[in-house]
Amino acid sequence: MLVTLADGSTITASTIIPTLVRIDSTKVEYANQNKTRATIFIYHQDDRNTLDFYRRMIHVSSLG
């Protein structure tokens, strides 16, 4: 990716899509009886020999 700023300078970036990380299990713990707030735990095996980071996105309704 290449971004050119108003002053003519440029910023470049690149990324890769790492290998698939398989989810072992998930667990939901609700914070109240109305089930309006919850903590979601996701468990997976991580290769400790690699430096990588994970992000999860949870959507309440459809993205469409």
Protein backbone atom coordinates (compact mmCIF):
# COMPACT_ATOMS: atom_id res chain seq x y z
CA MET A 1 0.00 0.00 0.00
CA LEU A 2 1.28 3.45 -0.87
CA VAL A 3 -0.15 6.71 0.51
CA THR A 4 0.97 10.09 -0.82
CA LEU A 5 0.47 13.02 1.57
CA ALA A 6 -0.38 16.60 0.63
CA ASP A 7 3.27 17.66 1.08
CA GLY A 8 4.40 14.98 -1.43
CA SER A 9 5.88 12.59 1.11
CA THR A 10 4.81 8.97 0.95
CA ILE A 11 3.99 6.25 3.45
CA THR A 12 4.23 2.59 2.52
CA ALA A 13 2.92 -0.49 4.32
CA SER A 14 2.54 -4.18 3.69
CA THR A 15 1.05 -7.16 5.46
CA ILE A 16 0.60 -10.88 5.07
CA ILE A 17 -2.22 -13.20 5.98
CA PRO A 18 -0.75 -15.77 8.36
CA THR A 19 -1.67 -19.40 8.53
CA LEU A 20 -5.08 -20.37 9.82
CA VAL A 21 -5.39 -20.58 13.62
CA ARG A 22 -7.88 -23.26 14.62
CA ILE A 23 -10.16 -22.46 17.55
CA ASP A 24 -10.25 -25.23 20.18
CA SER A 25 -13.28 -23.95 22.08
CA THR A 26 -15.24 -20.88 23.10
CA LYS A 27 -16.93 -19.89 26.33
CA VAL A 28 -19.42 -17.09 27.06
CA GLU A 29 -19.86 -15.66 30.56
CA TYR A 30 -22.70 -13.20 31.01
CA ALA A 31 -22.17 -10.27 33.36
CA ASN A 32 -25.84 -9.89 34.31
CA GLN A 33 -29.16 -11.75 34.24
CA ASN A 34 -30.45 -9.70 31.29
CA LYS A 35 -27.57 -11.04 29.17
CA THR A 36 -26.79 -7.55 27.86
CA ARG A 37 -23.06 -7.77 28.63
CA ALA A 38 -20.78 -10.75 28.23
CA THR A 39 -17.17 -11.83 28.13
CA ILE A 40 -16.26 -14.21 25.31
CA PHE A 41 -13.27 -16.49 25.77
CA ILE A 42 -11.66 -18.09 22.72
CA TYR A 43 -9.09 -20.83 23.21
CA HIS A 44 -6.51 -21.94 20.66
CA GLN A 45 -3.01 -23.40 20.52
CA ASP A 46 -0.30 -20.83 19.79
CA ASP A 47 3.13 -21.50 18.33
CA ARG A 48 5.39 -19.79 20.86
CA ASN A 49 8.28 -19.79 18.36
CA THR A 50 6.57 -17.17 16.21
CA LEU A 51 5.95 -13.50 16.95
CA ASP A 52 2.34 -12.92 15.99
CA PHE A 53 -0.73 -11.11 17.23
CA TYR A 54 -4.46 -11.85 17.05
CA ARG A 55 -7.53 -9.68 16.75
CA ARG A 56 -11.12 -10.80 16.94
CA MET A 57 -14.16 -8.90 15.84
CA ILE A 58 -17.59 -9.66 17.25
CA HIS A 59 -20.65 -8.21 15.56
CA VAL A 60 -24.01 -8.03 17.29
CA SER A 61 -25.93 -8.08 14.03
CA SER A 62 -25.34 -8.67 10.34
CA LEU A 63 -22.61 -6.73 8.55
CA GLY A 64 -24.92 -6.43 5.53
